[in-house]
N, C-alpha and C. Protein backbone atom coordinates (compact mmCIF):
# COMPACT_ATOMS: atom_id res chain seq x y z
N UNK A 1 -18.02 -7.76 -5.66
CA UNK A 1 -16.71 -7.22 -5.31
C UNK A 1 -16.86 -6.23 -4.16
N UNK A 2 -15.95 -6.29 -3.24
CA UNK A 2 -15.96 -5.40 -2.09
C UNK A 2 -15.58 -3.98 -2.51
N UNK A 3 -16.18 -3.01 -1.87
CA UNK A 3 -15.85 -1.61 -2.14
C UNK A 3 -14.51 -1.23 -1.53
N UNK A 4 -14.15 -1.90 -0.44
CA UNK A 4 -12.95 -1.54 0.31
C UNK A 4 -11.87 -2.60 0.15
N UNK A 5 -10.61 -2.16 0.34
CA UNK A 5 -9.50 -3.10 0.20
C UNK A 5 -8.30 -2.66 1.02
N UNK A 6 -7.43 -3.63 1.25
CA UNK A 6 -6.10 -3.39 1.84
C UNK A 6 -5.09 -3.63 0.72
N UNK A 7 -4.18 -2.70 0.56
CA UNK A 7 -3.10 -2.87 -0.42
C UNK A 7 -1.81 -3.11 0.36
N UNK A 8 -1.13 -4.19 0.00
CA UNK A 8 0.10 -4.64 0.64
C UNK A 8 1.25 -4.19 -0.27
N UNK A 9 2.14 -3.37 0.28
CA UNK A 9 3.27 -2.85 -0.48
C UNK A 9 4.53 -3.03 0.36
N UNK A 10 5.62 -3.44 -0.26
CA UNK A 10 6.90 -3.51 0.44
C UNK A 10 7.83 -2.44 -0.10
N UNK A 11 8.66 -1.89 0.82
CA UNK A 11 9.62 -0.85 0.46
C UNK A 11 10.96 -1.16 1.13
N UNK A 12 12.04 -0.58 0.63
CA UNK A 12 13.36 -0.91 1.17
C UNK A 12 13.66 -0.27 2.53
N UNK A 13 12.97 0.83 2.87
CA UNK A 13 13.28 1.53 4.12
C UNK A 13 12.12 2.43 4.53
N UNK A 14 12.21 2.94 5.77
CA UNK A 14 11.14 3.77 6.31
C UNK A 14 11.03 5.11 5.57
N UNK A 15 12.14 5.66 5.14
CA UNK A 15 12.09 6.94 4.42
C UNK A 15 11.24 6.81 3.16
N UNK A 16 11.45 5.76 2.38
CA UNK A 16 10.68 5.55 1.14
C UNK A 16 9.22 5.26 1.47
N UNK A 17 8.98 4.46 2.50
CA UNK A 17 7.61 4.13 2.90
C UNK A 17 6.85 5.38 3.32
N UNK A 18 7.48 6.23 4.10
CA UNK A 18 6.81 7.48 4.53
C UNK A 18 6.50 8.38 3.34
N UNK A 19 7.42 8.46 2.40
CA UNK A 19 7.20 9.29 1.21
C UNK A 19 5.97 8.80 0.43
N UNK A 20 5.89 7.50 0.23
CA UNK A 20 4.76 6.92 -0.50
C UNK A 20 3.47 7.11 0.29
N UNK A 21 3.51 6.82 1.59
CA UNK A 21 2.31 6.94 2.43
C UNK A 21 1.78 8.37 2.44
N UNK A 22 2.67 9.33 2.58
CA UNK A 22 2.26 10.74 2.60
C UNK A 22 1.57 11.12 1.30
N UNK A 23 2.14 10.72 0.19
CA UNK A 23 1.55 11.01 -1.12
C UNK A 23 0.15 10.41 -1.23
N UNK A 24 0.00 9.15 -0.84
CA UNK A 24 -1.29 8.46 -0.97
C UNK A 24 -2.37 9.09 -0.10
N UNK A 25 -2.02 9.48 1.12
CA UNK A 25 -3.00 10.09 2.02
C UNK A 25 -3.33 11.51 1.56
N UNK A 26 -2.31 12.29 1.20
CA UNK A 26 -2.55 13.66 0.75
C UNK A 26 -3.40 13.72 -0.51
N UNK A 27 -3.23 12.75 -1.39
CA UNK A 27 -4.00 12.74 -2.64
C UNK A 27 -5.32 11.98 -2.51
N UNK A 28 -5.67 11.63 -1.27
CA UNK A 28 -6.95 10.96 -0.98
C UNK A 28 -7.09 9.61 -1.68
N UNK A 29 -5.96 8.96 -1.93
CA UNK A 29 -5.97 7.62 -2.51
C UNK A 29 -5.98 6.56 -1.40
N UNK A 30 -5.71 6.99 -0.19
CA UNK A 30 -5.74 6.11 0.98
C UNK A 30 -6.26 6.90 2.17
N UNK A 31 -7.00 6.22 3.02
CA UNK A 31 -7.47 6.86 4.26
C UNK A 31 -6.39 6.78 5.34
N UNK A 32 -5.64 5.68 5.33
CA UNK A 32 -4.64 5.42 6.36
C UNK A 32 -3.62 4.44 5.80
N UNK A 33 -2.38 4.60 6.24
CA UNK A 33 -1.32 3.66 5.85
C UNK A 33 -0.56 3.27 7.11
N UNK A 34 -0.48 1.97 7.38
CA UNK A 34 0.33 1.47 8.48
C UNK A 34 1.71 1.11 7.93
N UNK A 35 2.75 1.56 8.63
CA UNK A 35 4.13 1.27 8.24
C UNK A 35 4.73 0.34 9.30
N UNK A 36 5.15 -0.83 8.86
CA UNK A 36 5.65 -1.85 9.78
C UNK A 36 7.09 -2.17 9.40
N UNK A 37 8.03 -1.74 10.25
CA UNK A 37 9.43 -1.99 9.93
C UNK A 37 9.90 -3.29 10.57
N UNK A 38 11.04 -3.76 10.10
CA UNK A 38 11.63 -4.96 10.66
C UNK A 38 11.20 -6.25 9.98
N UNK A 39 10.50 -6.14 8.86
CA UNK A 39 10.10 -7.33 8.12
C UNK A 39 11.32 -7.84 7.34
N UNK A 40 11.50 -9.13 7.31
CA UNK A 40 12.59 -9.72 6.54
C UNK A 40 12.01 -10.49 5.37
N UNK A 41 12.57 -10.28 4.19
CA UNK A 41 12.10 -10.96 2.99
C UNK A 41 13.22 -11.78 2.39
N UNK A 42 12.87 -12.98 1.95
CA UNK A 42 13.79 -13.84 1.20
C UNK A 42 13.18 -14.08 -0.16
N UNK A 43 13.96 -13.88 -1.21
CA UNK A 43 13.45 -14.03 -2.57
C UNK A 43 14.62 -14.21 -3.53
N UNK A 44 14.30 -14.69 -4.71
CA UNK A 44 15.32 -14.82 -5.74
C UNK A 44 15.17 -13.66 -6.71
N UNK A 45 16.29 -13.01 -7.02
CA UNK A 45 16.29 -11.89 -7.95
C UNK A 45 17.51 -12.00 -8.84
N UNK A 46 17.27 -12.07 -10.12
CA UNK A 46 18.33 -12.18 -11.13
C UNK A 46 19.28 -13.34 -10.82
N UNK A 47 18.67 -14.48 -10.46
CA UNK A 47 19.43 -15.71 -10.26
C UNK A 47 20.11 -15.86 -8.92
N UNK A 48 19.93 -14.89 -8.02
CA UNK A 48 20.57 -14.97 -6.71
C UNK A 48 19.53 -14.90 -5.60
N UNK A 49 19.76 -15.69 -4.56
CA UNK A 49 18.90 -15.65 -3.39
C UNK A 49 19.24 -14.40 -2.59
N UNK A 50 18.22 -13.64 -2.28
CA UNK A 50 18.40 -12.39 -1.52
C UNK A 50 17.69 -12.50 -0.18
N UNK A 51 18.24 -11.81 0.80
CA UNK A 51 17.63 -11.71 2.12
C UNK A 51 17.77 -10.25 2.53
N UNK A 52 16.64 -9.56 2.65
CA UNK A 52 16.66 -8.12 2.89
C UNK A 52 15.65 -7.74 3.97
N UNK A 53 15.97 -6.68 4.71
CA UNK A 53 14.96 -6.08 5.59
C UNK A 53 14.13 -5.14 4.74
N UNK A 54 12.84 -5.11 5.00
CA UNK A 54 11.94 -4.23 4.28
C UNK A 54 10.94 -3.61 5.25
N UNK A 55 10.25 -2.61 4.77
CA UNK A 55 9.14 -2.01 5.50
C UNK A 55 7.87 -2.43 4.78
N UNK A 56 6.92 -2.94 5.54
CA UNK A 56 5.62 -3.34 5.00
C UNK A 56 4.65 -2.19 5.15
N UNK A 57 3.94 -1.89 4.07
CA UNK A 57 2.90 -0.87 4.09
C UNK A 57 1.55 -1.57 3.94
N UNK A 58 0.62 -1.26 4.83
CA UNK A 58 -0.76 -1.72 4.72
C UNK A 58 -1.61 -0.48 4.46
N UNK A 59 -2.13 -0.41 3.25
CA UNK A 59 -2.84 0.79 2.79
C UNK A 59 -4.33 0.51 2.78
N UNK A 60 -5.10 1.33 3.48
CA UNK A 60 -6.56 1.18 3.49
C UNK A 60 -7.16 2.12 2.47
N UNK A 61 -7.90 1.54 1.52
CA UNK A 61 -8.42 2.33 0.41
C UNK A 61 -9.70 1.71 -0.14
N UNK A 62 -10.10 2.20 -1.29
CA UNK A 62 -11.29 1.65 -1.97
C UNK A 62 -10.86 1.03 -3.29
N UNK A 63 -11.57 -0.01 -3.67
CA UNK A 63 -11.27 -0.77 -4.87
C UNK A 63 -11.15 0.13 -6.10
N UNK A 64 -12.04 1.09 -6.25
CA UNK A 64 -12.04 1.93 -7.45
C UNK A 64 -10.82 2.85 -7.54
N UNK A 65 -10.06 2.98 -6.46
CA UNK A 65 -8.87 3.83 -6.47
C UNK A 65 -7.58 3.05 -6.73
N UNK A 66 -7.69 1.72 -6.80
CA UNK A 66 -6.48 0.89 -6.89
C UNK A 66 -5.60 1.24 -8.10
N UNK A 67 -6.15 1.37 -9.28
CA UNK A 67 -5.33 1.63 -10.47
C UNK A 67 -4.55 2.93 -10.33
N UNK A 68 -5.20 3.98 -9.85
CA UNK A 68 -4.52 5.27 -9.67
C UNK A 68 -3.49 5.18 -8.56
N UNK A 69 -3.84 4.51 -7.47
CA UNK A 69 -2.91 4.32 -6.37
C UNK A 69 -1.66 3.58 -6.86
N UNK A 70 -1.85 2.51 -7.62
CA UNK A 70 -0.73 1.74 -8.14
C UNK A 70 0.16 2.60 -9.04
N UNK A 71 -0.42 3.41 -9.89
CA UNK A 71 0.36 4.31 -10.76
C UNK A 71 1.22 5.25 -9.95
N UNK A 72 0.63 5.84 -8.90
CA UNK A 72 1.38 6.77 -8.04
C UNK A 72 2.54 6.07 -7.36
N UNK A 73 2.29 4.88 -6.83
CA UNK A 73 3.35 4.13 -6.15
C UNK A 73 4.47 3.79 -7.14
N UNK A 74 4.10 3.29 -8.30
CA UNK A 74 5.11 2.94 -9.31
C UNK A 74 5.95 4.15 -9.73
N UNK A 75 5.36 5.33 -9.72
CA UNK A 75 6.08 6.53 -10.16
C UNK A 75 7.17 6.96 -9.19
N UNK A 76 7.09 6.55 -7.91
CA UNK A 76 8.09 6.99 -6.93
C UNK A 76 8.77 5.84 -6.17
N UNK A 77 8.40 4.62 -6.47
CA UNK A 77 9.01 3.47 -5.78
C UNK A 77 10.41 3.24 -6.34
N UNK A 78 11.30 2.74 -5.50
CA UNK A 78 12.69 2.54 -5.94
C UNK A 78 12.95 1.15 -6.53
N UNK A 79 12.04 0.20 -6.34
CA UNK A 79 12.27 -1.14 -6.88
C UNK A 79 11.91 -1.22 -8.36
N UNK A 80 12.60 -2.09 -9.09
CA UNK A 80 12.26 -2.35 -10.49
C UNK A 80 10.88 -3.02 -10.59
N UNK A 81 10.61 -3.95 -9.68
CA UNK A 81 9.36 -4.70 -9.67
C UNK A 81 8.80 -4.67 -8.24
N UNK A 82 8.15 -3.57 -7.86
CA UNK A 82 7.64 -3.50 -6.48
C UNK A 82 6.44 -4.40 -6.25
N UNK A 83 6.34 -4.89 -5.03
CA UNK A 83 5.18 -5.66 -4.61
C UNK A 83 4.05 -4.67 -4.28
N UNK A 84 3.00 -4.72 -5.08
CA UNK A 84 1.80 -3.91 -4.86
C UNK A 84 0.63 -4.85 -5.13
N UNK A 85 0.03 -5.38 -4.08
CA UNK A 85 -1.07 -6.32 -4.25
C UNK A 85 -2.23 -5.93 -3.35
N UNK A 86 -3.44 -6.13 -3.85
CA UNK A 86 -4.62 -5.74 -3.10
C UNK A 86 -5.46 -6.92 -2.68
N UNK A 87 -6.08 -6.77 -1.51
CA UNK A 87 -6.96 -7.79 -0.95
C UNK A 87 -8.29 -7.13 -0.59
N UNK A 88 -9.39 -7.71 -1.03
CA UNK A 88 -10.68 -7.11 -0.68
C UNK A 88 -11.00 -7.26 0.80
N UNK A 89 -11.64 -6.25 1.35
CA UNK A 89 -12.15 -6.34 2.72
C UNK A 89 -13.58 -6.83 2.63
N UNK A 90 -13.84 -7.95 3.23
CA UNK A 90 -15.19 -8.51 3.15
C UNK A 90 -16.01 -8.20 4.39
N UNK A 91 -15.36 -7.84 5.48
CA UNK A 91 -16.03 -7.49 6.72
C UNK A 91 -15.30 -6.32 7.35
N UNK A 92 -16.00 -5.55 8.19
CA UNK A 92 -15.33 -4.46 8.88
C UNK A 92 -16.28 -3.67 9.76
N UNK A 93 -15.70 -2.95 10.70
CA UNK A 93 -16.44 -2.05 11.57
C UNK A 93 -17.10 -0.99 10.69
N UNK A 94 -18.41 -0.93 10.71
CA UNK A 94 -19.14 -0.04 9.80
C UNK A 94 -18.73 1.42 9.96
N UNK A 95 -18.52 1.87 11.18
CA UNK A 95 -18.13 3.28 11.36
C UNK A 95 -16.73 3.53 10.81
N UNK A 96 -15.83 2.54 10.92
CA UNK A 96 -14.49 2.69 10.34
C UNK A 96 -14.57 2.72 8.82
N UNK A 97 -15.35 1.85 8.23
CA UNK A 97 -15.49 1.83 6.78
C UNK A 97 -16.12 3.12 6.26
N UNK A 98 -17.06 3.68 7.00
CA UNK A 98 -17.64 4.97 6.62
C UNK A 98 -16.58 6.07 6.65
N UNK A 99 -15.74 6.05 7.69
CA UNK A 99 -14.65 7.02 7.78
C UNK A 99 -13.68 6.84 6.60
N UNK A 100 -13.35 5.59 6.28
CA UNK A 100 -12.46 5.30 5.16
C UNK A 100 -13.03 5.91 3.88
N UNK A 101 -14.31 5.74 3.67
CA UNK A 101 -14.96 6.27 2.47
C UNK A 101 -14.90 7.80 2.45
N UNK A 102 -15.13 8.42 3.59
CA UNK A 102 -15.10 9.89 3.68
C UNK A 102 -13.70 10.45 3.42
N UNK A 103 -12.67 9.70 3.77
CA UNK A 103 -11.29 10.19 3.66
C UNK A 103 -10.66 9.97 2.30
N UNK A 104 -11.34 9.24 1.43
CA UNK A 104 -10.77 8.93 0.12
C UNK A 104 -11.57 9.60 -1.00
N UNK A 105 -10.92 9.73 -2.11
CA UNK A 105 -11.50 10.40 -3.28
C UNK A 105 -12.68 9.65 -3.85
N UNK A 106 -13.61 10.40 -4.42
CA UNK A 106 -14.75 9.78 -5.10
C UNK A 106 -14.45 9.53 -6.58
N UNK A 107 -13.23 9.86 -7.00
CA UNK A 107 -12.84 9.70 -8.41
C UNK A 107 -12.94 8.27 -8.88
């Protein structure tokens, strides 16, 4: 299993995304969070097809922090069922990965 990962999170707007990102970085659960606005999502919710603009969050973190990171996001996210999924990083710039490790908690 890779030590590092990207966590993909969607939010309804930039205000909510910034709030989540700030919390994750301040609590050392993420080294960096990219916020990408203008994403459009189509999905079915409660029997109806929905089409919404969302903000995509790409969170750089470590595998061992995922459970705590997910708990924090769930505690302040506005969706009933937020998208919080992680992908292992199998390759990366060694100096960047070292920085990522230094910026995140050892918990």
